[in-house]
Amino acid sequence: MKQAYVIGFDRKNKKWVTDGSQGPAVQTPPLDGALLIDEAAILAAAEDFGHLRFGRPIAVLEPGSNEDIVKMVNFAREQGIRIGARGEGSSVYGQSQVEGGIVVRMRAFIKPPIFGADWVEVSPGMTWSEVLAATLEHGLRPPVLTHNVELSVGGTLSVGGMDGGSYRHGAQVDNVLELQVVTGEGQLETCSPTHLPELFDAVLAGLGQCAIILRARLRLIPAGTHARVFELLYLDLPTMLADERLLVEDGRIDRISGYVFPSASGRWSYYIQADLNFSPPAVPDKDILPTGLHHLQGFERVYTQSYFDFVANNPRQAALKASGRIKLPHPWLDVFVPDSAADKYLAETFGTLTPADIGVDFPISFFFIKTAVCTRPMLRLPDEESACLFNLMTTITNPESTERMVEQNRRFFDRARQVGGKHLPVSAMTMTRQDWQEHFHPYWEQFVRAKHRFDPDNILTPGPGVF
């Protein structure tokens, strides 16, 4: 049912009014888009990629303009209704759900990108693959993507956004120049490191707690047309981790990621994928790799692909959709571990896991980050020069295993925290108020002040459970 049929909201009974015979109601604001209250729209917004939590909203806003979002945030505040943005719905534990509130479907309203000499302004509902396709036409690219570029810009900027190039360029939030947002007070604001910096800091990696992003100005760097890809095979995890560190210290490769696959034999397979962005005819060869690597000689794979195809084509994600396994539970976990503790932590973790725990859809991945290049305060990292991001991507085929895996995530997180680790807050795991205070330390009080200033009625983005 669309906006034409919604004439008001019955605050007492928390329901929409569609004709005058249903009793007194507060009139809803006129919209350029639509306010959906039909069952199909509600159910679609009540789930996410994780299929672990179900949070039924009372309406879905498909905005036809930024003004629609501003109007509905103001309306939600006046009526005491929660509201939050949703991009691709790729969260795994209800982070993008708004139970009993309004979900703003950001994909419904996307403006064309606006380019400067070395930046682009984009709508938050765009996916990173769409951003990349647009910027490559100008010979430019974002310095940092995500390994799945079908995530939305607003979604990853609310968390951090990283890939194997973050050791050079930081997170995606470190490459944002300016934001246009609507705060929880319903105020339309533009913020940057020099204008309303408190708001800027609270929005980037701030889990949607202080504002909804309407526009993001992103830094760009020159882009080549192709990717030169090196895949290096290993017999064991310690050797692979040592070579990852060597590649990071060498610094010539654009993106460096380690992967562990469960093999058909029930054992683990280890490899590094390193890629370099370039334009022919200057094709990098194997000499670009530093000497002293310890991969299995003769088993490496080196190939060239168009840069967009290499980054954007995700055969595992496509296979997940084709098989229908995308509808299964995905209790994923992401934690940062200090480099000094990474080898021991990962060895203990792999001593607990079995290939059957992971499934066949995705590998376990990890990459190293230089923490000094990550400057946004709400993106919390270990207090060391280098950290390892450990990403456990599980598909559950047996529903009885779901609770066990969520509990296991908590144990892995607690173990990481004991050695100085931090949580990338996208995981299938319950966080308490004390957990959040520890997570955002020493910026917790700063975050609380920003919340009180920009969302004083606590209406924004309840899914993560921060406040």
Protein backbone atom coordinates (compact mmCIF):
# COMPACT_ATOMS: atom_id res chain seq x y z
CA MET A 1 0.00 0.00 0.00
CA LYS A 2 1.55 3.32 -1.05
CA GLN A 3 1.56 6.83 0.34
CA ALA A 4 -1.61 7.83 -1.50
CA TYR A 5 -3.53 5.53 0.85
CA VAL A 6 -1.75 6.53 4.06
CA ILE A 7 -3.32 9.67 5.45
CA GLY A 8 -2.01 9.67 8.98
CA PHE A 9 -0.61 7.88 11.99
CA ASP A 10 -2.48 6.79 15.11
CA ARG A 11 0.18 7.37 17.75
CA LYS A 12 -1.77 5.75 20.56
CA ASN A 13 -2.14 2.42 18.74
CA LYS A 14 1.08 2.75 16.70
CA LYS A 15 -0.61 2.12 13.36
CA TRP A 16 -1.19 3.88 10.08
CA VAL A 17 -4.57 5.31 9.14
CA THR A 18 -5.71 4.85 5.55
CA ASP A 19 -9.20 6.40 5.65
CA GLY A 20 -11.13 8.86 7.77
CA SER A 21 -13.30 6.22 9.44
CA GLN A 22 -10.36 4.75 11.38
CA GLY A 23 -10.29 7.44 14.04
CA PRO A 24 -8.06 10.41 14.90
CA ALA A 25 -4.62 10.55 13.36
CA VAL A 26 -1.64 12.82 12.88
CA GLN A 27 -1.36 13.65 9.20
CA THR A 28 1.69 12.26 7.44
CA PRO A 29 3.82 14.74 5.48
CA PRO A 30 3.42 14.95 1.68
CA LEU A 31 6.16 12.96 -0.04
CA ASP A 32 7.81 12.81 -3.45
CA GLY A 33 8.22 9.08 -2.94
CA ALA A 34 6.11 6.47 -1.19
CA LEU A 35 5.44 5.16 2.29
CA LEU A 36 4.89 1.42 1.97
CA ILE A 37 2.87 -0.52 4.52
CA ASP A 38 2.01 -3.60 2.45
CA GLU A 39 3.04 -7.00 3.75
CA ALA A 40 5.60 -7.69 1.02
CA ALA A 41 7.53 -4.49 1.74
CA ILE A 42 7.36 -5.04 5.51
CA LEU A 43 8.63 -8.62 5.30
CA ALA A 44 11.46 -7.69 2.93
CA ALA A 45 12.70 -5.05 5.40
CA ALA A 46 12.32 -7.36 8.39
CA GLU A 47 15.19 -9.66 7.33
CA ASP A 48 18.78 -9.25 6.24
CA PHE A 49 21.56 -11.31 4.70
CA GLY A 50 22.27 -13.06 7.99
CA HIS A 51 18.74 -14.52 8.36
CA LEU A 52 19.35 -14.74 12.09
CA ARG A 53 17.10 -11.96 13.40
CA PHE A 54 13.66 -10.75 12.37
CA GLY A 55 12.69 -7.14 13.09
CA ARG A 56 9.34 -6.21 11.61
CA PRO A 57 8.99 -2.46 10.84
CA ILE A 58 5.64 -0.69 10.60
CA ALA A 59 6.52 1.05 7.32
CA VAL A 60 9.13 1.30 4.58
CA LEU A 61 9.95 4.70 3.12
CA GLU A 62 10.95 4.72 -0.54
CA PRO A 63 12.15 8.31 -0.78
CA GLY A 64 11.71 10.34 -3.94
CA SER A 65 14.03 13.06 -2.66
CA ASN A 66 16.34 13.91 0.19
CA GLU A 67 13.55 16.11 1.50
CA ASP A 68 11.40 12.99 1.99
CA ILE A 69 14.00 11.58 4.37
CA VAL A 70 14.24 14.86 6.28
CA LYS A 71 10.43 15.02 6.57
CA MET A 72 10.10 11.45 7.80
CA VAL A 73 12.92 11.78 10.34
CA ASN A 74 11.11 14.82 11.74
CA PHE A 75 7.80 12.95 11.66
CA ALA A 76 9.35 9.93 13.39
CA ARG A 77 10.81 12.12 16.11
CA GLU A 78 7.50 13.89 16.71
CA GLN A 79 5.64 10.58 16.95
CA GLY A 80 8.22 8.68 18.95
CA ILE A 81 8.96 6.18 16.16
CA ARG A 82 12.38 4.66 15.48
CA ILE A 83 13.82 5.12 11.98
CA GLY A 84 16.91 3.87 10.17
CA ALA A 85 18.49 3.59 6.73
CA ARG A 86 18.86 0.35 4.78
CA GLY A 87 21.02 -0.12 1.72
CA GLU A 88 21.48 -3.64 0.41
CA GLY A 89 20.39 -5.27 3.67
CA SER A 90 23.76 -7.03 3.90
CA SER A 91 23.96 -6.95 7.69
CA VAL A 92 24.08 -10.35 9.39
CA TYR A 93 22.54 -9.72 12.81
CA GLY A 94 19.69 -7.25 12.41
CA GLN A 95 21.88 -4.14 12.34
CA SER A 96 19.78 -2.59 9.53
CA GLN A 97 16.41 -3.63 10.96
CA VAL A 98 14.04 -1.21 12.70
CA GLU A 99 11.51 -3.27 14.63
CA GLY A 100 8.29 -1.32 15.16
CA GLY A 101 9.68 1.66 13.22
CA ILE A 102 10.38 2.97 9.74
CA VAL A 103 13.01 1.58 7.39
CA VAL A 104 14.33 4.03 4.78
CA ARG A 105 15.16 2.10 1.61
CA MET A 106 18.10 4.11 0.31
CA ARG A 107 18.25 2.22 -3.00
CA ALA A 108 14.95 3.84 -3.98
CA PHE A 109 16.52 7.26 -4.47
CA ILE A 110 19.91 7.59 -6.13
CA LYS A 111 21.17 10.80 -7.77
CA PRO A 112 23.81 10.78 -10.55
CA PRO A 113 27.37 11.16 -9.24
CA ILE A 114 28.98 14.62 -9.29
CA PHE A 115 32.72 14.76 -10.08
CA GLY A 116 35.52 17.09 -9.10
CA ALA A 117 39.15 16.83 -10.13
CA ASP A 118 39.94 14.14 -7.54
CA TRP A 119 36.63 13.45 -5.82
CA VAL A 120 33.11 12.25 -6.46
CA GLU A 121 29.85 12.92 -4.62
CA VAL A 122 27.52 9.93 -4.50
CA SER A 123 24.23 8.85 -2.99
CA PRO A 124 24.52 6.45 -0.03
CA GLY A 125 22.25 3.89 -1.69
CA MET A 126 24.75 3.33 -4.51
CA THR A 127 26.79 0.16 -4.37
CA TRP A 128 30.55 0.37 -4.54
CA SER A 129 30.46 -1.45 -7.88
CA GLU A 130 28.29 1.36 -9.24
CA VAL A 131 30.65 3.96 -7.82
CA LEU A 132 33.65 2.17 -9.32
CA ALA A 133 32.02 1.86 -12.75
CA ALA A 134 31.33 5.61 -12.75
CA THR A 135 34.78 6.67 -11.54
CA LEU A 136 36.69 4.41 -13.96
CA GLU A 137 35.10 6.33 -16.83
CA HIS A 138 37.08 9.32 -15.51
CA GLY A 139 40.29 7.32 -15.03
CA LEU A 140 39.83 7.39 -11.26
CA ARG A 141 38.94 4.98 -8.47
CA PRO A 142 38.26 4.96 -4.71
CA PRO A 143 41.49 4.17 -2.82
CA VAL A 144 39.68 1.51 -0.76
CA LEU A 145 36.80 -0.76 -1.71
CA THR A 146 35.39 -3.78 0.07
CA HIS A 147 35.89 -7.38 -0.96
CA ASN A 148 32.18 -7.48 -1.80
CA VAL A 149 31.55 -4.33 -3.85
CA GLU A 150 27.79 -4.92 -3.91
CA LEU A 151 27.55 -3.31 -0.48
CA SER A 152 26.09 0.19 -0.25
CA VAL A 153 28.19 3.30 0.29
CA GLY A 154 26.12 4.40 3.28
CA GLY A 155 26.30 0.97 4.86
CA THR A 156 30.09 0.62 4.78
CA LEU A 157 30.73 4.25 5.76
CA SER A 158 28.59 3.63 8.84
CA VAL A 159 30.89 0.77 9.84
CA GLY A 160 34.34 1.54 8.42
CA GLY A 161 34.87 -0.22 5.09
CA MET A 162 38.15 -2.04 4.43
CA ASP A 163 39.93 -4.22 1.94
CA GLY A 164 43.44 -5.54 1.35
CA GLY A 165 44.58 -2.04 0.34
CA SER A 166 43.77 -0.54 3.73
CA TYR A 167 47.37 -1.01 4.82
CA ARG A 168 48.14 1.87 2.45
CA HIS A 169 45.02 4.03 2.39
CA GLY A 170 43.21 3.32 5.65
CA ALA A 171 39.51 2.52 5.69
CA GLN A 172 36.85 3.96 3.41
CA VAL A 173 35.88 6.35 6.21
CA ASP A 174 39.42 7.79 6.07
CA ASN A 175 38.81 8.80 2.46
CA VAL A 176 35.61 10.81 2.95
CA LEU A 177 35.96 14.56 2.39
CA GLU A 178 32.44 15.73 3.22
CA LEU A 179 28.99 14.45 4.12
CA GLN A 180 25.45 15.72 3.81
CA VAL A 181 23.27 14.18 6.51
CA VAL A 182 19.98 14.50 8.33
CA THR A 183 20.46 14.27 12.07
CA GLY A 184 18.15 12.58 14.55
CA GLU A 185 16.87 16.10 15.33
CA GLY A 186 15.66 16.28 11.72
CA GLN A 187 18.26 18.90 10.75
CA LEU A 188 19.84 18.87 7.30
CA GLU A 189 23.57 19.44 7.76
CA THR A 190 26.79 19.39 5.79
CA CYS A 191 29.82 18.30 7.77
CA SER A 192 33.53 17.75 7.18
CA PRO A 193 36.77 17.66 9.18
CA THR A 194 36.58 21.47 9.46
CA HIS A 195 32.82 22.11 9.54
CA LEU A 196 30.82 20.44 12.31
CA PRO A 197 33.69 18.00 12.94
CA GLU A 198 31.91 16.48 15.95
CA LEU A 199 29.08 15.36 13.66
CA PHE A 200 31.48 14.21 10.94
CA ASP A 201 33.41 12.07 13.43
CA ALA A 202 30.22 10.62 14.90
CA VAL A 203 28.75 9.62 11.53
CA LEU A 204 31.77 7.87 10.00
CA ALA A 205 31.95 4.37 11.55
CA GLY A 206 29.27 5.57 13.99
CA LEU A 207 26.74 2.84 13.12
CA GLY A 208 24.02 5.29 12.07
CA GLN A 209 23.52 6.52 15.63
CA CYS A 210 23.63 10.28 15.02
CA ALA A 211 22.52 10.87 11.43
CA ILE A 212 21.43 9.33 8.13
CA ILE A 213 23.86 9.96 5.27
CA LEU A 214 22.29 11.67 2.24
CA ARG A 215 25.42 12.41 0.21
CA ALA A 216 29.11 11.52 0.51
CA ARG A 217 32.07 13.23 -1.13
CA LEU A 218 34.79 10.61 -1.62
CA ARG A 219 38.47 11.03 -2.39
CA LEU A 220 39.65 9.42 -5.64
CA ILE A 221 43.06 8.37 -6.98
CA PRO A 222 44.25 7.66 -10.55
CA ALA A 223 43.11 4.30 -11.86
CA GLY A 224 44.59 1.88 -14.33
CA THR A 225 42.44 -0.19 -16.63
CA HIS A 226 43.60 -3.66 -15.56
CA ALA A 227 44.53 -5.76 -12.56
CA ARG A 228 47.62 -7.96 -12.42
CA VAL A 229 46.78 -10.72 -9.96
CA PHE A 230 49.17 -13.02 -8.09
CA GLU A 231 47.79 -16.05 -6.26
CA LEU A 232 50.35 -17.78 -4.05
CA LEU A 233 49.75 -21.19 -2.47
CA TYR A 234 51.00 -22.26 0.99
CA LEU A 235 51.19 -25.41 3.06
CA ASP A 236 50.56 -23.79 6.44
CA LEU A 237 49.14 -20.67 8.06
CA PRO A 238 52.29 -19.29 9.79
CA THR A 239 54.23 -19.21 6.53
CA MET A 240 51.38 -17.50 4.75
CA LEU A 241 51.05 -14.86 7.50
CA ALA A 242 54.79 -14.18 7.37
CA ASP A 243 54.60 -13.60 3.62
CA GLU A 244 51.59 -11.31 4.01
CA ARG A 245 53.61 -9.19 6.39
CA LEU A 246 56.54 -9.14 3.98
CA LEU A 247 54.30 -7.94 1.14
CA VAL A 248 52.82 -5.22 3.36
CA GLU A 249 56.26 -3.98 4.41
CA ASP A 250 57.43 -4.01 0.79
CA GLY A 251 54.47 -1.76 -0.11
CA ARG A 252 54.43 -2.17 -3.90
CA ILE A 253 51.24 -4.21 -4.16
CA ASP A 254 47.87 -2.42 -4.12
CA ARG A 255 45.84 -5.04 -2.23
CA ILE A 256 47.01 -8.03 -0.20
CA SER A 257 44.66 -10.59 1.33
CA GLY A 258 45.09 -14.02 2.84
CA TYR A 259 42.50 -16.77 2.48
CA VAL A 260 41.91 -20.15 4.05
CA PHE A 261 39.56 -22.54 2.29
CA PRO A 262 38.08 -25.76 3.57
CA SER A 263 39.14 -28.31 0.95
CA ALA A 264 37.17 -31.27 -0.34
CA SER A 265 39.44 -33.58 1.63
CA GLY A 266 38.40 -31.97 4.91
CA ARG A 267 41.67 -30.09 5.33
CA TRP A 268 42.58 -26.41 5.02
CA SER A 269 44.04 -24.76 1.93
CA TYR A 270 46.00 -21.50 2.25
CA TYR A 271 46.75 -18.80 -0.30
CA ILE A 272 47.52 -15.11 -0.71
CA GLN A 273 45.89 -13.00 -3.40
CA ALA A 274 47.84 -9.85 -4.26
CA ASP A 275 46.83 -7.48 -7.04
CA LEU A 276 48.22 -4.42 -8.74
CA ASN A 277 46.20 -1.84 -10.68
CA PHE A 278 47.88 -0.79 -13.95
CA SER A 279 47.34 0.19 -17.58
CA PRO A 280 48.98 -1.62 -20.51
CA PRO A 281 51.48 -1.80 -22.06
CA ALA A 282 53.41 -1.70 -18.76
CA VAL A 283 52.29 -5.12 -17.50
CA PRO A 284 53.89 -5.95 -14.12
CA ASP A 285 55.56 -9.37 -13.99
CA LYS A 286 56.50 -11.60 -11.08
CA ASP A 287 59.58 -9.50 -10.40
CA ILE A 288 57.27 -6.96 -8.73
CA LEU A 289 56.99 -9.38 -5.80
CA PRO A 290 59.68 -9.03 -3.14
CA THR A 291 62.36 -11.67 -2.78
CA GLY A 292 62.20 -14.04 0.15
CA LEU A 293 58.60 -15.24 -0.23
CA HIS A 294 57.96 -18.84 0.79
CA HIS A 295 54.98 -19.90 -1.32
CA LEU A 296 54.98 -23.23 -3.15
CA GLN A 297 57.13 -22.56 -6.19
CA GLY A 298 55.55 -23.68 -9.47
CA PHE A 299 52.02 -23.55 -8.05
CA GLU A 300 51.50 -19.79 -8.22
CA ARG A 301 48.85 -18.41 -10.57
CA VAL A 302 49.44 -15.07 -12.31
CA TYR A 303 46.88 -13.50 -14.59
CA THR A 304 45.59 -10.19 -15.97
CA GLN A 305 41.97 -9.06 -16.00
CA SER A 306 40.12 -5.82 -16.57
CA TYR A 307 40.17 -3.98 -13.27
CA PHE A 308 36.41 -3.65 -13.01
CA ASP A 309 35.79 -7.32 -13.82
CA PHE A 310 38.37 -8.43 -11.30
CA VAL A 311 36.93 -6.31 -8.51
CA ALA A 312 33.23 -6.57 -9.31
CA ASN A 313 32.75 -10.16 -10.42
CA ASN A 314 32.22 -12.31 -7.35
CA PRO A 315 31.62 -15.90 -8.47
CA ARG A 316 31.09 -17.15 -4.92
CA GLN A 317 28.36 -14.60 -4.25
CA ALA A 318 26.76 -15.46 -7.60
CA ALA A 319 26.89 -19.17 -6.79
CA LEU A 320 25.33 -18.51 -3.40
CA LYS A 321 22.38 -16.78 -5.07
CA ALA A 322 22.05 -19.40 -7.81
CA SER A 323 21.98 -22.28 -5.34
CA GLY A 324 19.48 -20.61 -3.04
CA ARG A 325 21.97 -20.87 -0.16
CA ILE A 326 21.83 -17.10 0.19
CA LYS A 327 18.62 -17.68 2.19
CA LEU A 328 20.47 -19.76 4.78
CA PRO A 329 21.79 -18.26 8.05
CA HIS A 330 25.17 -16.51 7.83
CA PRO A 331 26.60 -15.93 11.34
CA TRP A 332 29.70 -14.02 10.21
CA LEU A 333 32.38 -12.64 12.51
CA ASP A 334 34.94 -9.84 12.03
CA VAL A 335 37.57 -9.02 14.65
CA PHE A 336 40.80 -7.04 14.65
CA VAL A 337 43.73 -8.70 16.41
CA PRO A 338 47.02 -6.95 17.28
CA ASP A 339 49.79 -8.12 14.98
CA SER A 340 51.86 -9.28 17.94
CA ALA A 341 49.10 -11.70 18.98
CA ALA A 342 47.80 -12.66 15.53
CA ASP A 343 49.73 -15.90 14.98
CA LYS A 344 48.81 -17.36 18.36
CA TYR A 345 45.22 -16.17 18.18
CA LEU A 346 44.68 -17.59 14.69
CA ALA A 347 46.37 -20.89 15.59
CA GLU A 348 44.05 -21.27 18.59
CA THR A 349 41.04 -20.34 16.48
CA PHE A 350 41.86 -22.84 13.76
CA GLY A 351 42.39 -25.42 16.48
CA THR A 352 38.72 -24.92 17.38
CA LEU A 353 37.24 -24.69 13.90
CA THR A 354 36.71 -27.48 11.43
CA PRO A 355 36.05 -27.11 7.68
CA ALA A 356 32.51 -28.35 8.35
CA ASP A 357 31.93 -25.31 10.57
CA ILE A 358 32.57 -22.95 7.67
CA GLY A 359 30.79 -24.51 4.72
CA VAL A 360 31.83 -24.31 1.11
CA ASP A 361 30.58 -20.86 0.11
CA PHE A 362 33.28 -18.50 1.37
CA PRO A 363 36.84 -18.67 2.64
CA ILE A 364 38.12 -17.38 5.93
CA SER A 365 39.96 -14.17 5.10
CA PHE A 366 42.39 -11.88 6.83
CA PHE A 367 44.60 -8.94 5.95
CA PHE A 368 46.99 -6.66 7.75
CA ILE A 369 46.38 -2.96 8.41
CA LYS A 370 48.73 -0.16 9.36
CA THR A 371 46.74 1.50 12.12
CA ALA A 372 48.41 4.92 11.70
CA VAL A 373 46.62 5.45 8.36
CA CYS A 374 43.21 4.90 10.02
CA THR A 375 42.32 8.25 11.57
CA ARG A 376 38.54 8.28 12.14
CA PRO A 377 37.94 8.01 15.90
CA MET A 378 34.86 5.75 15.84
CA LEU A 379 36.69 3.07 13.87
CA ARG A 380 38.29 1.23 16.74
CA LEU A 381 41.51 -0.68 16.15
CA PRO A 382 44.06 -2.41 18.39
CA ASP A 383 46.66 -0.19 19.99
CA GLU A 384 49.59 -1.37 17.87
CA GLU A 385 51.24 -0.22 14.65
CA SER A 386 49.80 -3.20 12.77
CA ALA A 387 46.65 -5.27 13.15
CA CYS A 388 45.09 -8.24 11.42
CA LEU A 389 41.40 -8.29 10.42
CA PHE A 390 40.03 -11.83 10.78
CA ASN A 391 36.83 -12.47 8.83
CA LEU A 392 34.94 -15.72 9.43
CA MET A 393 32.24 -16.15 6.75
CA THR A 394 30.00 -19.08 7.66
CA THR A 395 26.94 -20.54 5.98
CA ILE A 396 24.78 -22.70 8.25
CA THR A 397 23.08 -25.64 6.57
CA ASN A 398 21.91 -27.23 9.81
CA PRO A 399 19.60 -24.82 11.72
CA GLU A 400 20.51 -26.55 14.98
CA SER A 401 24.08 -25.24 14.57
CA THR A 402 23.08 -21.58 14.35
CA GLU A 403 22.99 -20.79 18.06
CA ARG A 404 26.23 -22.69 18.59
CA MET A 405 28.02 -20.63 15.94
CA VAL A 406 26.73 -17.34 17.37
CA GLU A 407 27.97 -18.40 20.80
CA GLN A 408 31.28 -19.39 19.24
CA ASN A 409 31.57 -15.94 17.69
CA ARG A 410 31.27 -14.47 21.16
CA ARG A 411 34.03 -16.74 22.46
CA PHE A 412 36.31 -15.77 19.56
CA PHE A 413 35.56 -12.10 20.20
CA ASP A 414 36.24 -12.39 23.93
CA ARG A 415 39.53 -14.14 23.21
CA ALA A 416 40.50 -11.39 20.75
CA ARG A 417 39.62 -8.71 23.28
CA GLN A 418 41.79 -10.39 25.91
CA VAL A 419 44.84 -9.88 23.68
CA GLY A 420 43.94 -6.27 22.81
CA GLY A 421 41.65 -6.97 19.86
CA LYS A 422 38.65 -5.00 18.67
CA HIS A 423 35.38 -5.82 16.95
CA LEU A 424 34.42 -4.64 13.47
CA PRO A 425 30.75 -4.25 14.45
CA VAL A 426 29.10 -6.17 11.63
CA SER A 427 29.17 -9.57 13.29
CA ALA A 428 26.52 -12.04 14.42
CA MET A 429 27.03 -11.43 18.10
CA THR A 430 25.19 -9.69 20.93
CA MET A 431 26.94 -6.67 22.44
CA THR A 432 26.03 -5.34 25.88
CA ARG A 433 26.16 -1.69 26.94
CA GLN A 434 29.43 -2.45 28.72
CA ASP A 435 30.78 -4.07 25.54
CA TRP A 436 30.01 -0.91 23.56
CA GLN A 437 31.64 1.30 26.17
CA GLU A 438 34.79 -0.82 25.99
CA HIS A 439 34.60 -0.95 22.20
CA PHE A 440 34.52 2.84 21.73
CA HIS A 441 37.00 3.60 24.56
CA PRO A 442 38.53 6.21 24.85
CA TYR A 443 35.91 7.93 22.63
CA TRP A 444 32.80 6.62 24.38
CA GLU A 445 32.00 9.87 26.18
CA GLN A 446 32.57 11.81 22.96
CA PHE A 447 30.15 9.48 21.21
CA VAL A 448 27.56 9.86 23.99
CA ARG A 449 27.78 13.66 23.75
CA ALA A 450 27.29 13.49 19.99
CA LYS A 451 24.29 11.20 20.44
CA HIS A 452 22.67 13.58 22.92
CA ARG A 453 23.33 16.55 20.65
CA PHE A 454 22.32 15.11 17.27
CA ASP A 455 19.78 12.41 18.21
CA PRO A 456 18.46 13.48 21.63
CA ASP A 457 15.35 11.29 21.41
CA ASN A 458 17.30 8.18 20.38
CA ILE A 459 15.21 7.43 17.29
CA LEU A 460 17.97 6.46 14.86
CA THR A 461 19.17 2.97 13.92
CA PRO A 462 18.27 0.74 16.88
CA GLY A 463 19.54 -2.45 15.23
CA PRO A 464 23.10 -2.48 16.63
CA GLY A 465 21.81 -1.86 20.18
CA VAL A 466 24.48 0.74 21.02
CA PHE A 467 22.19 3.03 23.04
